[in-house]
Amino acid sequence: MSSTRESEHIISARETLDTLYDISQLLNTKLDKETLATCIQMIESGVNPQALAAVIQELRREAAALQSS
């Protein structure tokens, strides 16, 4: 890949992440950009999005339970 094409790809990926982060904020997902990027990478690698969402919700429930005890 040429350096110009690689730069364009990086810029495009950054813009896409920024847009998805804005949507994430509007939906009040409480995901930071790094976590969102990790989730996107996992989904692009074939992880089922519903299963990933269920795991995140369960981890949040467990974290809340640990904080309240």
C-alpha atoms as a PDB file:
ATOM      1  CA  MET A   1       0.000   0.000   0.000  1.00  0.00           C
ATOM      2  CA  SER A   2       1.404   3.403  -0.920  1.00  0.00           C
ATOM      3  CA  SER A   3       2.016   5.872   1.870  1.00  0.00           C
ATOM      4  CA  THR A   4      -0.660   8.237   0.506  1.00  0.00           C
ATOM      5  CA  ARG A   5      -3.212   5.434   0.354  1.00  0.00           C
ATOM      6  CA  GLU A   6      -2.197   4.272   3.824  1.00  0.00           C
ATOM      7  CA  SER A   7      -2.600   7.815   5.178  1.00  0.00           C
ATOM      8  CA  GLU A   8      -6.039   8.070   3.570  1.00  0.00           C
ATOM      9  CA  HIS A   9      -7.001   4.731   5.107  1.00  0.00           C
ATOM     10  CA  ILE A  10      -5.876   5.881   8.574  1.00  0.00           C
ATOM     11  CA  ILE A  11      -7.771   9.163   8.245  1.00  0.00           C
ATOM     12  CA  SER A  12     -10.886   7.329   7.068  1.00  0.00           C
ATOM     13  CA  ALA A  13     -10.652   4.844   9.951  1.00  0.00           C
ATOM     14  CA  ARG A  14     -10.260   7.696  12.439  1.00  0.00           C
ATOM     15  CA  GLU A  15     -13.258   9.549  11.010  1.00  0.00           C
ATOM     16  CA  THR A  16     -15.333   6.366  11.157  1.00  0.00           C
ATOM     17  CA  LEU A  17     -14.340   5.777  14.780  1.00  0.00           C
ATOM     18  CA  ASP A  18     -15.183   9.395  15.627  1.00  0.00           C
ATOM     19  CA  THR A  19     -18.620   9.017  14.027  1.00  0.00           C
ATOM     20  CA  LEU A  20     -19.292   5.722  15.787  1.00  0.00           C
ATOM     21  CA  TYR A  21     -18.149   7.267  19.071  1.00  0.00           C
ATOM     22  CA  ASP A  22     -20.581  10.173  18.573  1.00  0.00           C
ATOM     23  CA  ILE A  23     -23.400   7.679  17.976  1.00  0.00           C
ATOM     24  CA  SER A  24     -22.265   5.709  21.014  1.00  0.00           C
ATOM     25  CA  GLN A  25     -22.454   8.877  23.121  1.00  0.00           C
ATOM     26  CA  LEU A  26     -25.938   9.691  21.815  1.00  0.00           C
ATOM     27  CA  LEU A  27     -27.053   6.178  22.743  1.00  0.00           C
ATOM     28  CA  ASN A  28     -25.442   6.572  26.186  1.00  0.00           C
ATOM     29  CA  THR A  29     -23.440   3.338  25.885  1.00  0.00           C
ATOM     30  CA  LYS A  30     -20.829   4.633  28.339  1.00  0.00           C
ATOM     31  CA  LEU A  31     -18.051   3.167  26.184  1.00  0.00           C
ATOM     32  CA  ASP A  32     -14.849   5.161  25.888  1.00  0.00           C
ATOM     33  CA  LYS A  33     -13.178   5.444  22.492  1.00  0.00           C
ATOM     34  CA  GLU A  34     -10.586   2.773  23.225  1.00  0.00           C
ATOM     35  CA  THR A  35     -13.204   0.259  24.368  1.00  0.00           C
ATOM     36  CA  LEU A  36     -15.404   1.082  21.383  1.00  0.00           C
ATOM     37  CA  ALA A  37     -12.452   0.553  19.028  1.00  0.00           C
ATOM     38  CA  THR A  38     -11.772  -2.818  20.657  1.00  0.00           C
ATOM     39  CA  CYS A  39     -15.423  -3.813  20.247  1.00  0.00           C
ATOM     40  CA  ILE A  40     -15.341  -2.783  16.584  1.00  0.00           C
ATOM     41  CA  GLN A  41     -12.196  -4.846  16.010  1.00  0.00           C
ATOM     42  CA  MET A  42     -13.806  -7.848  17.672  1.00  0.00           C
ATOM     43  CA  ILE A  43     -16.945  -7.552  15.547  1.00  0.00           C
ATOM     44  CA  GLU A  44     -14.848  -7.153  12.390  1.00  0.00           C
ATOM     45  CA  SER A  45     -13.036 -10.357  13.428  1.00  0.00           C
ATOM     46  CA  GLY A  46     -16.307 -12.254  13.556  1.00  0.00           C
ATOM     47  CA  VAL A  47     -17.544 -11.894  17.132  1.00  0.00           C
ATOM     48  CA  ASN A  48     -21.335 -11.889  17.335  1.00  0.00           C
ATOM     49  CA  PRO A  49     -22.418  -8.291  18.191  1.00  0.00           C
ATOM     50  CA  GLN A  50     -25.344  -9.436  20.367  1.00  0.00           C
ATOM     51  CA  ALA A  51     -23.095 -11.788  22.311  1.00  0.00           C
ATOM     52  CA  LEU A  52     -20.537  -9.025  22.792  1.00  0.00           C
ATOM     53  CA  ALA A  53     -23.235  -6.650  24.043  1.00  0.00           C
ATOM     54  CA  ALA A  54     -24.493  -9.318  26.460  1.00  0.00           C
ATOM     55  CA  VAL A  55     -20.977  -9.841  27.840  1.00  0.00           C
ATOM     56  CA  ILE A  56     -20.489  -6.099  28.337  1.00  0.00           C
ATOM     57  CA  GLN A  57     -23.830  -5.822  30.134  1.00  0.00           C
ATOM     58  CA  GLU A  58     -23.003  -8.789  32.371  1.00  0.00           C
ATOM     59  CA  LEU A  59     -19.580  -7.366  33.226  1.00  0.00           C
ATOM     60  CA  ARG A  60     -21.212  -4.056  34.146  1.00  0.00           C
ATOM     61  CA  ARG A  61     -23.766  -5.842  36.375  1.00  0.00           C
ATOM     62  CA  GLU A  62     -21.001  -7.764  38.125  1.00  0.00           C
ATOM     63  CA  ALA A  63     -18.916  -4.610  38.579  1.00  0.00           C
ATOM     64  CA  ALA A  64     -21.912  -2.793  40.064  1.00  0.00           C
ATOM     65  CA  ALA A  65     -22.614  -5.716  42.408  1.00  0.00           C
ATOM     66  CA  LEU A  66     -18.996  -5.736  43.586  1.00  0.00           C
ATOM     67  CA  GLN A  67     -19.056  -1.970  44.182  1.00  0.00           C
ATOM     68  CA  SER A  68     -22.255  -2.150  46.202  1.00  0.00           C
ATOM     69  CA  SER A  69     -21.025  -4.950  48.467  1.00  0.00           C
END
